Amino acid sequence: MMSQQTQNQTDYYSKVLYELSAIVLNIIRSPPPSLGFSDEDSQIQRRQIPSFQQITPAGFASLLLGISLSLMLCGSVTFFIGFMLMPWVLGLVIFLYFVGIVSSITMIGKALLCHNSSPPSPKKHNPSWKLF
């Protein structure tokens, strides 16, 4: 159940990101307005219906506002998830430090208490002719 909901959220975010990317690329690829130098061109240009590929400055500002709002919203969600997981991460770090300290104390205790119980190492007999 939970993985299906996570998958749906991931699909939703990827769809939103894809749509935003398509809009931005459509704006970037739109042809620049033609510059007319004669009176005939300006009259023809006035009669033309504005194409839907061209964007107005207000539309572009709205697009940038929407992009910034969506990024802030995604950032806030990420911050909230990190804020909720931080106690678990700190708890895991403290637990691992505790395990490391206990392990070190037991190794020191074994070294101090069990030092005499270890069997003595056998002494090698070196013949005198090998010393030279």
N, C-alpha and C. Protein backbone atom coordinates (compact mmCIF):
# COMPACT_ATOMS: atom_id res chain seq x y z
N MET A 1 0.83 -1.19 0.00
CA MET A 1 0.00 0.00 0.00
C MET A 1 0.88 1.26 0.00
N MET A 2 1.89 1.25 0.87
CA MET A 2 2.74 2.43 0.99
C MET A 2 3.61 2.61 -0.24
N SER A 3 4.10 1.50 -0.82
CA SER A 3 4.95 1.62 -1.99
C SER A 3 4.14 2.11 -3.19
N GLN A 4 2.87 1.73 -3.28
CA GLN A 4 2.01 2.20 -4.37
C GLN A 4 1.80 3.71 -4.26
N GLN A 5 1.61 4.21 -3.03
CA GLN A 5 1.42 5.65 -2.84
C GLN A 5 2.70 6.40 -3.16
N THR A 6 3.85 5.85 -2.76
CA THR A 6 5.13 6.48 -3.07
C THR A 6 5.36 6.49 -4.57
N GLN A 7 5.00 5.39 -5.25
CA GLN A 7 5.15 5.32 -6.69
C GLN A 7 4.26 6.35 -7.38
N ASN A 8 3.03 6.54 -6.88
CA ASN A 8 2.13 7.53 -7.46
C ASN A 8 2.68 8.94 -7.28
N GLN A 9 3.26 9.23 -6.10
CA GLN A 9 3.84 10.55 -5.88
C GLN A 9 5.03 10.78 -6.80
N THR A 10 5.85 9.76 -6.97
CA THR A 10 7.01 9.88 -7.85
C THR A 10 6.55 10.11 -9.29
N ASP A 11 5.51 9.37 -9.71
CA ASP A 11 4.97 9.58 -11.06
C ASP A 11 4.41 10.98 -11.21
N TYR A 12 3.74 11.48 -10.19
CA TYR A 12 3.17 12.83 -10.25
C TYR A 12 4.27 13.88 -10.37
N TYR A 13 5.31 13.76 -9.53
CA TYR A 13 6.40 14.73 -9.57
C TYR A 13 7.14 14.67 -10.90
N SER A 14 7.35 13.47 -11.42
CA SER A 14 8.05 13.38 -12.69
C SER A 14 7.19 13.94 -13.83
N LYS A 15 5.88 13.78 -13.73
CA LYS A 15 4.99 14.34 -14.75
C LYS A 15 5.00 15.88 -14.69
N VAL A 16 4.98 16.42 -13.49
CA VAL A 16 5.03 17.88 -13.33
C VAL A 16 6.35 18.42 -13.86
N LEU A 17 7.45 17.75 -13.52
CA LEU A 17 8.75 18.19 -14.00
C LEU A 17 8.83 18.10 -15.52
N TYR A 18 8.27 17.06 -16.10
CA TYR A 18 8.27 16.91 -17.56
C TYR A 18 7.46 18.03 -18.21
N GLU A 19 6.31 18.36 -17.64
CA GLU A 19 5.48 19.43 -18.22
C GLU A 19 6.18 20.79 -18.11
N LEU A 20 6.82 21.05 -16.97
CA LEU A 20 7.54 22.32 -16.82
C LEU A 20 8.70 22.40 -17.83
N SER A 21 9.39 21.30 -18.00
CA SER A 21 10.50 21.28 -18.97
C SER A 21 9.98 21.51 -20.38
N ALA A 22 8.84 20.91 -20.72
CA ALA A 22 8.27 21.10 -22.05
C ALA A 22 7.87 22.55 -22.28
N ILE A 23 7.31 23.19 -21.27
CA ILE A 23 6.91 24.59 -21.41
C ILE A 23 8.14 25.48 -21.61
N VAL A 24 9.16 25.25 -20.79
CA VAL A 24 10.38 26.07 -20.90
C VAL A 24 11.04 25.87 -22.26
N LEU A 25 11.13 24.62 -22.71
CA LEU A 25 11.73 24.37 -24.02
C LEU A 25 10.90 24.96 -25.15
N ASN A 26 9.59 24.96 -25.02
CA ASN A 26 8.72 25.57 -26.03
C ASN A 26 8.95 27.08 -26.09
N ILE A 27 9.15 27.69 -24.94
CA ILE A 27 9.42 29.13 -24.91
C ILE A 27 10.78 29.43 -25.53
N ILE A 28 11.76 28.61 -25.22
CA ILE A 28 13.10 28.85 -25.75
C ILE A 28 13.13 28.66 -27.26
N ARG A 29 12.40 27.69 -27.77
CA ARG A 29 12.42 27.39 -29.20
C ARG A 29 11.51 28.29 -30.03
N SER A 30 10.71 29.11 -29.40
CA SER A 30 9.79 29.94 -30.19
C SER A 30 10.59 30.95 -31.01
N PRO A 31 10.18 31.18 -32.25
CA PRO A 31 10.95 32.08 -33.12
C PRO A 31 10.85 33.53 -32.64
N PRO A 32 11.92 34.28 -32.81
CA PRO A 32 11.86 35.69 -32.40
C PRO A 32 10.91 36.45 -33.32
N PRO A 33 10.33 37.55 -32.83
CA PRO A 33 9.42 38.32 -33.68
C PRO A 33 10.18 38.93 -34.85
N SER A 34 9.51 38.95 -35.99
CA SER A 34 10.17 39.53 -37.17
C SER A 34 10.22 41.05 -37.03
N LEU A 35 11.34 41.61 -37.43
CA LEU A 35 11.53 43.05 -37.37
C LEU A 35 11.28 43.64 -38.75
N GLY A 36 10.28 44.46 -38.86
CA GLY A 36 9.97 45.08 -40.14
C GLY A 36 10.55 46.48 -40.22
N PHE A 37 11.10 46.83 -41.42
CA PHE A 37 11.70 48.14 -41.60
C PHE A 37 10.86 49.04 -42.49
N SER A 38 9.82 48.49 -43.07
CA SER A 38 8.99 49.33 -43.94
C SER A 38 7.58 49.42 -43.36
N ASP A 39 6.79 50.35 -43.92
CA ASP A 39 5.44 50.54 -43.43
C ASP A 39 4.53 49.37 -43.75
N GLU A 40 4.78 48.69 -44.90
CA GLU A 40 3.94 47.57 -45.29
C GLU A 40 4.06 46.43 -44.28
N ASP A 41 5.30 46.17 -43.85
CA ASP A 41 5.51 45.09 -42.89
C ASP A 41 4.81 45.40 -41.57
N SER A 42 4.83 46.65 -41.13
CA SER A 42 4.19 46.99 -39.86
C SER A 42 2.68 46.87 -39.96
N GLN A 43 2.10 47.20 -41.14
CA GLN A 43 0.65 47.06 -41.30
C GLN A 43 0.25 45.59 -41.33
N ILE A 44 1.05 44.77 -42.01
CA ILE A 44 0.76 43.34 -42.06
C ILE A 44 0.91 42.73 -40.66
N GLN A 45 1.89 43.20 -39.96
CA GLN A 45 2.14 42.66 -38.64
C GLN A 45 1.02 43.02 -37.68
N ARG A 46 0.40 44.19 -37.82
CA ARG A 46 -0.70 44.59 -36.94
C ARG A 46 -1.94 43.74 -37.19
N ARG A 47 -2.14 43.31 -38.43
CA ARG A 47 -3.33 42.54 -38.77
C ARG A 47 -3.22 41.07 -38.36
N GLN A 48 -2.01 40.61 -38.16
CA GLN A 48 -1.84 39.21 -37.82
C GLN A 48 -2.34 38.93 -36.41
N ILE A 49 -2.89 37.73 -36.24
CA ILE A 49 -3.32 37.30 -34.92
C ILE A 49 -2.08 36.80 -34.19
N PRO A 50 -1.91 37.21 -32.95
CA PRO A 50 -0.71 36.75 -32.24
C PRO A 50 -0.73 35.22 -32.09
N SER A 51 0.41 34.61 -32.38
CA SER A 51 0.48 33.15 -32.32
C SER A 51 0.56 32.71 -30.86
N PHE A 52 0.20 31.46 -30.63
CA PHE A 52 0.22 30.93 -29.28
C PHE A 52 1.62 30.53 -28.85
N GLN A 53 2.56 30.50 -29.79
CA GLN A 53 3.92 30.15 -29.42
C GLN A 53 4.65 31.32 -28.77
N GLN A 54 4.24 32.52 -29.07
CA GLN A 54 4.85 33.68 -28.46
C GLN A 54 4.29 33.86 -27.06
N ILE A 55 5.12 34.30 -26.17
CA ILE A 55 4.69 34.50 -24.80
C ILE A 55 4.86 35.96 -24.43
N THR A 56 3.94 36.46 -23.67
CA THR A 56 4.01 37.86 -23.23
C THR A 56 4.94 37.96 -22.03
N PRO A 57 5.41 39.15 -21.74
CA PRO A 57 6.26 39.31 -20.54
C PRO A 57 5.54 38.91 -19.26
N ALA A 58 4.25 39.22 -19.19
CA ALA A 58 3.49 38.83 -17.99
C ALA A 58 3.38 37.30 -17.90
N GLY A 59 3.21 36.65 -19.05
CA GLY A 59 3.15 35.19 -19.05
C GLY A 59 4.47 34.57 -18.65
N PHE A 60 5.56 35.16 -19.13
CA PHE A 60 6.89 34.67 -18.77
C PHE A 60 7.14 34.86 -17.28
N ALA A 61 6.72 36.02 -16.74
CA ALA A 61 6.87 36.26 -15.30
C ALA A 61 6.03 35.26 -14.50
N SER A 62 4.84 34.95 -14.99
CA SER A 62 4.00 33.96 -14.31
C SER A 62 4.64 32.58 -14.37
N LEU A 63 5.26 32.26 -15.50
CA LEU A 63 5.94 30.98 -15.62
C LEU A 63 7.08 30.88 -14.61
N LEU A 64 7.90 31.93 -14.53
CA LEU A 64 9.00 31.91 -13.58
C LEU A 64 8.49 31.85 -12.14
N LEU A 65 7.39 32.54 -11.86
CA LEU A 65 6.80 32.49 -10.53
C LEU A 65 6.32 31.08 -10.21
N GLY A 66 5.69 30.42 -11.19
CA GLY A 66 5.24 29.05 -10.98
C GLY A 66 6.39 28.09 -10.77
N ILE A 67 7.46 28.27 -11.55
CA ILE A 67 8.63 27.40 -11.38
C ILE A 67 9.24 27.60 -10.00
N SER A 68 9.39 28.85 -9.58
CA SER A 68 9.99 29.10 -8.27
C SER A 68 9.10 28.58 -7.15
N LEU A 69 7.78 28.72 -7.32
CA LEU A 69 6.85 28.22 -6.30
C LEU A 69 6.92 26.70 -6.20
N SER A 70 6.99 26.02 -7.34
CA SER A 70 7.08 24.55 -7.30
C SER A 70 8.40 24.10 -6.69
N LEU A 71 9.49 24.80 -6.99
CA LEU A 71 10.77 24.44 -6.38
C LEU A 71 10.77 24.68 -4.88
N MET A 72 10.13 25.77 -4.44
CA MET A 72 10.03 26.02 -3.00
C MET A 72 9.19 24.95 -2.33
N LEU A 73 8.11 24.53 -2.97
CA LEU A 73 7.24 23.51 -2.40
C LEU A 73 7.98 22.18 -2.30
N CYS A 74 8.68 21.79 -3.36
CA CYS A 74 9.46 20.54 -3.32
C CYS A 74 10.57 20.64 -2.27
N GLY A 75 11.20 21.79 -2.16
CA GLY A 75 12.24 21.98 -1.14
C GLY A 75 11.67 21.90 0.26
N SER A 76 10.48 22.42 0.46
CA SER A 76 9.85 22.35 1.77
C SER A 76 9.50 20.92 2.13
N VAL A 77 9.03 20.15 1.16
CA VAL A 77 8.71 18.74 1.42
C VAL A 77 9.98 17.97 1.75
N THR A 78 11.04 18.23 1.02
CA THR A 78 12.32 17.57 1.29
C THR A 78 12.84 17.93 2.68
N PHE A 79 12.72 19.21 3.04
CA PHE A 79 13.16 19.64 4.37
C PHE A 79 12.34 18.95 5.45
N PHE A 80 11.03 18.83 5.25
CA PHE A 80 10.17 18.19 6.24
C PHE A 80 10.53 16.72 6.41
N ILE A 81 10.79 16.03 5.30
CA ILE A 81 11.18 14.62 5.38
C ILE A 81 12.51 14.49 6.12
N GLY A 82 13.47 15.35 5.81
CA GLY A 82 14.75 15.32 6.51
C GLY A 82 14.60 15.64 7.98
N PHE A 83 13.73 16.58 8.30
CA PHE A 83 13.49 16.97 9.69
C PHE A 83 12.87 15.82 10.47
N MET A 84 11.98 15.06 9.82
CA MET A 84 11.34 13.94 10.49
C MET A 84 12.29 12.74 10.64
N LEU A 85 13.24 12.57 9.72
CA LEU A 85 14.16 11.45 9.78
C LEU A 85 15.39 11.73 10.65
N MET A 86 15.64 12.98 10.98
CA MET A 86 16.84 13.33 11.73
C MET A 86 16.92 12.64 13.09
N PRO A 87 15.85 12.51 13.88
CA PRO A 87 15.97 11.77 15.15
C PRO A 87 16.36 10.31 14.95
N TRP A 88 15.88 9.69 13.88
CA TRP A 88 16.25 8.30 13.61
C TRP A 88 17.73 8.20 13.27
N VAL A 89 18.22 9.14 12.49
CA VAL A 89 19.64 9.13 12.11
C VAL A 89 20.51 9.36 13.35
N LEU A 90 20.14 10.33 14.18
CA LEU A 90 20.91 10.59 15.39
C LEU A 90 20.85 9.40 16.34
N GLY A 91 19.69 8.76 16.46
CA GLY A 91 19.58 7.57 17.30
C GLY A 91 20.46 6.44 16.81
N LEU A 92 20.52 6.23 15.49
CA LEU A 92 21.38 5.20 14.93
C LEU A 92 22.85 5.51 15.18
N VAL A 93 23.24 6.76 15.04
CA VAL A 93 24.64 7.15 15.29
C VAL A 93 25.00 6.93 16.75
N ILE A 94 24.12 7.33 17.66
CA ILE A 94 24.39 7.14 19.09
C ILE A 94 24.47 5.66 19.43
N PHE A 95 23.58 4.86 18.85
CA PHE A 95 23.60 3.41 19.08
C PHE A 95 24.92 2.79 18.61
N LEU A 96 25.37 3.19 17.42
CA LEU A 96 26.62 2.63 16.90
C LEU A 96 27.83 3.08 17.74
N TYR A 97 27.81 4.32 18.23
CA TYR A 97 28.88 4.75 19.14
C TYR A 97 28.87 3.92 20.41
N PHE A 98 27.69 3.65 20.95
CA PHE A 98 27.57 2.85 22.16
C PHE A 98 28.09 1.44 21.93
N VAL A 99 27.75 0.84 20.80
CA VAL A 99 28.24 -0.50 20.47
C VAL A 99 29.76 -0.49 20.33
N GLY A 100 30.32 0.55 19.73
CA GLY A 100 31.77 0.65 19.60
C GLY A 100 32.46 0.78 20.95
N ILE A 101 31.86 1.56 21.85
CA ILE A 101 32.46 1.73 23.19
C ILE A 101 32.40 0.42 23.96
N VAL A 102 31.27 -0.27 23.91
CA VAL A 102 31.15 -1.55 24.61
C VAL A 102 32.13 -2.57 24.04
N SER A 103 32.28 -2.59 22.74
CA SER A 103 33.22 -3.52 22.11
C SER A 103 34.65 -3.22 22.55
N SER A 104 35.01 -1.95 22.61
CA SER A 104 36.37 -1.58 23.04
C SER A 104 36.61 -1.96 24.49
N ILE A 105 35.61 -1.73 25.36
CA ILE A 105 35.76 -2.06 26.78
C ILE A 105 35.91 -3.57 26.96
N THR A 106 35.15 -4.36 26.22
CA THR A 106 35.28 -5.81 26.35
C THR A 106 36.63 -6.31 25.85
N MET A 107 37.15 -5.71 24.78
CA MET A 107 38.47 -6.11 24.29
C MET A 107 39.56 -5.75 25.31
N ILE A 108 39.44 -4.59 25.93
CA ILE A 108 40.42 -4.20 26.97
C ILE A 108 40.30 -5.12 28.16
N GLY A 109 39.07 -5.45 28.56
CA GLY A 109 38.87 -6.36 29.69
C GLY A 109 39.43 -7.74 29.42
N LYS A 110 39.23 -8.25 28.22
CA LYS A 110 39.79 -9.56 27.87
C LYS A 110 41.30 -9.51 27.89
N ALA A 111 41.88 -8.42 27.43
CA ALA A 111 43.34 -8.31 27.39
C ALA A 111 43.91 -8.25 28.80
N LEU A 112 43.23 -7.58 29.74
CA LEU A 112 43.74 -7.46 31.10
C LEU A 112 43.47 -8.71 31.93
N LEU A 113 42.29 -9.26 31.81
CA LEU A 113 41.92 -10.39 32.67
C LEU A 113 42.42 -11.72 32.14
N CYS A 114 42.49 -11.88 30.88
CA CYS A 114 42.87 -13.18 30.30
C CYS A 114 44.32 -13.20 29.84
N HIS A 115 45.13 -12.29 30.32
CA HIS A 115 46.53 -12.23 29.89
C HIS A 115 47.30 -13.46 30.37
N ASN A 116 47.09 -13.89 31.64
CA ASN A 116 47.84 -15.00 32.22
C ASN A 116 47.33 -16.35 31.75
N SER A 117 46.12 -16.43 31.28
CA SER A 117 45.56 -17.71 30.90
C SER A 117 46.00 -18.17 29.51
N SER A 118 46.65 -17.31 28.78
CA SER A 118 47.10 -17.71 27.45
C SER A 118 48.31 -18.63 27.58
N PRO A 119 48.42 -19.65 26.74
CA PRO A 119 49.56 -20.58 26.84
C PRO A 119 50.86 -19.87 26.49
N PRO A 120 51.93 -20.25 27.18
CA PRO A 120 53.22 -19.61 26.88
C PRO A 120 53.70 -20.03 25.50
N SER A 121 54.36 -19.11 24.87
CA SER A 121 54.85 -19.40 23.53
C SER A 121 56.07 -20.31 23.63
N PRO A 122 56.20 -21.28 22.76
CA PRO A 122 57.36 -22.20 22.83
C PRO A 122 58.64 -21.46 22.47
N LYS A 123 59.69 -21.78 23.23
CA LYS A 123 60.97 -21.13 22.98
C LYS A 123 61.75 -21.96 21.98
N LYS A 124 62.34 -21.27 21.08
CA LYS A 124 63.12 -21.96 20.06
C LYS A 124 64.55 -22.17 20.56
N HIS A 125 65.05 -23.31 20.25
CA HIS A 125 66.45 -23.60 20.58
C HIS A 125 67.31 -23.33 19.34
N ASN A 126 68.15 -22.34 19.44
CA ASN A 126 69.02 -22.00 18.31
C ASN A 126 70.38 -22.63 18.55
N PRO A 127 70.78 -23.47 17.67
CA PRO A 127 72.14 -24.05 17.83
C PRO A 127 73.20 -22.97 17.65
N SER A 128 74.31 -23.14 18.28
CA SER A 128 75.35 -22.13 18.24
C SER A 128 75.97 -21.96 16.87
N TRP A 129 75.96 -22.98 16.06
CA TRP A 129 76.56 -22.84 14.73
C TRP A 129 75.71 -21.98 13.81
N LYS A 130 74.38 -21.77 14.12
CA LYS A 130 73.53 -20.90 13.29
C LYS A 130 73.66 -19.43 13.65
N LEU A 131 74.25 -19.13 14.78
CA LEU A 131 74.39 -17.74 15.19
C LEU A 131 75.44 -17.02 14.36
N PHE A 132 76.41 -17.73 13.82
CA PHE A 132 77.48 -17.09 13.06
C PHE A 132 77.10 -16.93 11.67
